[in-house]
N, C-alpha and C. Protein backbone atom coordinates (compact mmCIF):
# COMPACT_ATOMS: atom_id res chain seq x y z
N MET A 1 12.98 -48.41 46.15
CA MET A 1 12.38 -49.67 46.53
C MET A 1 11.79 -49.52 47.92
N SER A 2 10.75 -50.29 48.18
CA SER A 2 10.11 -50.14 49.48
C SER A 2 9.53 -51.46 49.96
N PHE A 3 9.26 -51.49 51.28
CA PHE A 3 8.63 -52.65 51.88
C PHE A 3 7.78 -52.18 53.05
N ARG A 4 6.89 -53.09 53.48
CA ARG A 4 6.04 -52.80 54.62
C ARG A 4 5.76 -54.09 55.36
N VAL A 5 5.87 -54.06 56.69
CA VAL A 5 5.55 -55.21 57.53
C VAL A 5 4.50 -54.76 58.53
N LEU A 6 3.39 -55.47 58.57
CA LEU A 6 2.29 -55.12 59.47
C LEU A 6 2.04 -56.26 60.44
N ILE A 7 1.83 -55.91 61.71
CA ILE A 7 1.49 -56.89 62.74
C ILE A 7 0.11 -56.52 63.28
N ASP A 8 -0.82 -57.46 63.21
CA ASP A 8 -2.15 -57.27 63.78
C ASP A 8 -2.23 -58.09 65.06
N ASP A 9 -2.11 -57.42 66.21
CA ASP A 9 -2.10 -58.11 67.48
C ASP A 9 -3.41 -58.82 67.78
N GLU A 10 -4.52 -58.26 67.33
CA GLU A 10 -5.82 -58.86 67.61
C GLU A 10 -5.99 -60.20 66.90
N SER A 11 -5.65 -60.25 65.62
CA SER A 11 -5.80 -61.50 64.87
C SER A 11 -4.51 -62.34 64.90
N ARG A 12 -3.47 -61.79 65.52
CA ARG A 12 -2.15 -62.46 65.58
C ARG A 12 -1.70 -62.82 64.16
N ASP A 13 -1.61 -61.78 63.34
CA ASP A 13 -1.33 -61.91 61.93
C ASP A 13 -0.16 -61.01 61.56
N VAL A 14 0.77 -61.53 60.75
CA VAL A 14 1.87 -60.73 60.20
C VAL A 14 1.72 -60.74 58.69
N GLN A 15 1.73 -59.56 58.09
CA GLN A 15 1.67 -59.44 56.64
C GLN A 15 2.83 -58.56 56.18
N ALA A 16 3.39 -58.89 55.03
CA ALA A 16 4.52 -58.11 54.51
C ALA A 16 4.38 -57.95 53.01
N TRP A 17 4.74 -56.78 52.53
CA TRP A 17 4.74 -56.47 51.10
C TRP A 17 6.06 -55.81 50.74
N SER A 18 6.50 -56.07 49.53
CA SER A 18 7.75 -55.48 49.05
C SER A 18 7.61 -55.18 47.56
N SER A 19 8.32 -54.16 47.11
CA SER A 19 8.28 -53.82 45.69
C SER A 19 9.04 -54.82 44.83
N VAL A 20 9.88 -55.65 45.44
CA VAL A 20 10.57 -56.75 44.74
C VAL A 20 10.55 -57.98 45.65
N ARG A 21 10.74 -59.14 45.09
CA ARG A 21 10.71 -60.36 45.88
C ARG A 21 11.90 -60.40 46.85
N LEU A 22 11.74 -61.15 47.91
CA LEU A 22 12.79 -61.29 48.91
C LEU A 22 13.63 -62.51 48.56
N PRO A 23 14.87 -62.31 48.10
CA PRO A 23 15.71 -63.45 47.71
C PRO A 23 16.28 -64.16 48.93
N PHE A 24 16.81 -65.36 48.72
CA PHE A 24 17.39 -66.15 49.80
C PHE A 24 18.52 -65.40 50.50
N GLU A 25 19.36 -64.74 49.74
CA GLU A 25 20.46 -63.95 50.30
C GLU A 25 20.28 -62.49 49.89
N PRO A 26 19.48 -61.73 50.64
CA PRO A 26 19.19 -60.35 50.25
C PRO A 26 20.39 -59.43 50.42
N LYS A 27 20.33 -58.33 49.70
CA LYS A 27 21.36 -57.28 49.79
C LYS A 27 20.67 -55.94 49.91
N GLY A 28 21.40 -54.95 50.42
CA GLY A 28 20.86 -53.59 50.51
C GLY A 28 19.66 -53.52 51.43
N TRP A 29 18.64 -52.78 51.01
CA TRP A 29 17.46 -52.57 51.84
C TRP A 29 16.67 -53.84 52.07
N LEU A 30 16.86 -54.87 51.22
CA LEU A 30 16.17 -56.13 51.42
C LEU A 30 16.63 -56.84 52.70
N VAL A 31 17.86 -56.57 53.14
CA VAL A 31 18.32 -57.10 54.42
C VAL A 31 17.47 -56.52 55.55
N ASP A 32 17.20 -55.22 55.48
CA ASP A 32 16.33 -54.59 56.49
C ASP A 32 14.93 -55.19 56.46
N PHE A 33 14.43 -55.44 55.27
CA PHE A 33 13.11 -56.06 55.14
C PHE A 33 13.09 -57.43 55.81
N ARG A 34 14.09 -58.24 55.51
CA ARG A 34 14.15 -59.58 56.09
C ARG A 34 14.24 -59.51 57.61
N LEU A 35 15.06 -58.60 58.14
CA LEU A 35 15.20 -58.46 59.59
C LEU A 35 13.88 -58.04 60.24
N GLU A 36 13.19 -57.09 59.63
CA GLU A 36 11.91 -56.63 60.19
C GLU A 36 10.85 -57.72 60.12
N LEU A 37 10.82 -58.46 59.02
CA LEU A 37 9.87 -59.56 58.87
C LEU A 37 10.17 -60.66 59.89
N ALA A 38 11.44 -60.99 60.06
CA ALA A 38 11.82 -62.03 61.04
C ALA A 38 11.43 -61.62 62.46
N ALA A 39 11.66 -60.36 62.81
CA ALA A 39 11.30 -59.87 64.14
C ALA A 39 9.78 -59.96 64.35
N ALA A 40 9.02 -59.61 63.33
CA ALA A 40 7.56 -59.68 63.43
C ALA A 40 7.10 -61.13 63.62
N CYS A 41 7.71 -62.05 62.89
CA CYS A 41 7.33 -63.46 63.03
C CYS A 41 7.71 -64.01 64.41
N ARG A 42 8.85 -63.57 64.94
CA ARG A 42 9.25 -64.01 66.28
C ARG A 42 8.31 -63.51 67.35
N SER A 43 7.56 -62.45 67.07
CA SER A 43 6.63 -61.91 68.06
C SER A 43 5.36 -62.76 68.19
N LEU A 44 5.16 -63.67 67.23
CA LEU A 44 3.99 -64.53 67.29
C LEU A 44 4.17 -65.60 68.37
N ALA A 45 3.11 -65.91 69.08
CA ALA A 45 3.16 -66.94 70.11
C ALA A 45 1.99 -67.89 69.89
N ALA A 46 2.29 -69.16 69.71
CA ALA A 46 1.24 -70.17 69.50
C ALA A 46 0.89 -70.82 70.83
N GLY A 47 -0.38 -71.14 70.97
CA GLY A 47 -0.84 -71.87 72.14
C GLY A 47 -0.48 -73.34 72.01
N PRO A 48 -0.79 -74.15 73.03
CA PRO A 48 -0.41 -75.57 73.03
C PRO A 48 -1.01 -76.36 71.86
N ASP A 49 -2.19 -75.99 71.39
CA ASP A 49 -2.83 -76.72 70.30
C ASP A 49 -2.87 -75.92 69.01
N GLU A 50 -1.93 -75.02 68.83
CA GLU A 50 -1.89 -74.17 67.64
C GLU A 50 -0.60 -74.39 66.86
N VAL A 51 -0.65 -74.04 65.57
CA VAL A 51 0.54 -74.12 64.71
C VAL A 51 0.68 -72.81 63.94
N LEU A 52 1.87 -72.55 63.48
CA LEU A 52 2.14 -71.39 62.63
C LEU A 52 1.85 -71.77 61.18
N HIS A 53 1.11 -70.94 60.50
CA HIS A 53 0.82 -71.15 59.08
C HIS A 53 1.40 -69.97 58.32
N ALA A 54 2.16 -70.24 57.28
CA ALA A 54 2.77 -69.16 56.50
C ALA A 54 2.57 -69.41 55.01
N CYS A 55 2.51 -68.33 54.27
CA CYS A 55 2.39 -68.40 52.82
C CYS A 55 3.32 -67.36 52.21
N TYR A 56 4.11 -67.75 51.23
CA TYR A 56 5.00 -66.83 50.52
C TYR A 56 4.63 -66.88 49.05
N SER A 57 4.45 -65.74 48.45
CA SER A 57 4.21 -65.71 47.01
C SER A 57 4.89 -64.48 46.42
N ALA A 58 5.25 -64.59 45.16
CA ALA A 58 5.90 -63.48 44.47
C ALA A 58 5.51 -63.52 43.00
N ARG A 59 5.26 -62.35 42.44
CA ARG A 59 4.97 -62.27 41.00
C ARG A 59 6.25 -62.39 40.18
N ASP A 60 7.36 -62.00 40.79
CA ASP A 60 8.67 -62.06 40.13
C ASP A 60 9.15 -63.51 40.14
N ARG A 61 9.27 -64.10 38.98
CA ARG A 61 9.67 -65.50 38.87
C ARG A 61 11.15 -65.67 38.49
N THR A 62 11.91 -64.57 38.47
CA THR A 62 13.32 -64.68 38.09
C THR A 62 14.09 -65.40 39.18
N ARG A 63 15.17 -66.03 38.82
CA ARG A 63 16.02 -66.73 39.77
C ARG A 63 17.41 -66.13 39.69
N GLY A 64 18.21 -66.47 40.68
CA GLY A 64 19.60 -66.00 40.65
C GLY A 64 19.78 -64.73 41.44
N THR A 65 20.62 -63.86 40.94
CA THR A 65 20.99 -62.67 41.69
C THR A 65 19.84 -61.68 41.77
N SER A 66 19.83 -60.94 42.84
CA SER A 66 18.82 -59.90 43.05
C SER A 66 19.08 -58.75 42.09
N ARG A 67 18.02 -58.05 41.73
CA ARG A 67 18.16 -56.89 40.84
C ARG A 67 18.47 -55.62 41.61
N THR A 68 18.69 -55.72 42.93
CA THR A 68 18.95 -54.53 43.73
C THR A 68 20.40 -54.53 44.18
N SER A 69 20.86 -53.38 44.57
CA SER A 69 22.24 -53.25 45.06
C SER A 69 22.24 -52.95 46.52
């Protein structure tokens, strides 16, 4: 399983991809993914008249327990 988190300092953009969806309570390598994504998002700084905009999407529509260990 794999993931990637990219930070574009010029556009102030964070993008992340994962081979499986990020569950609410991740386990295994998904914990590392969540930590890296959170750190990238914390690096964003909004100006006085700016807001953070985020979008989450996943092709995996299963619910419940993660398929990873």
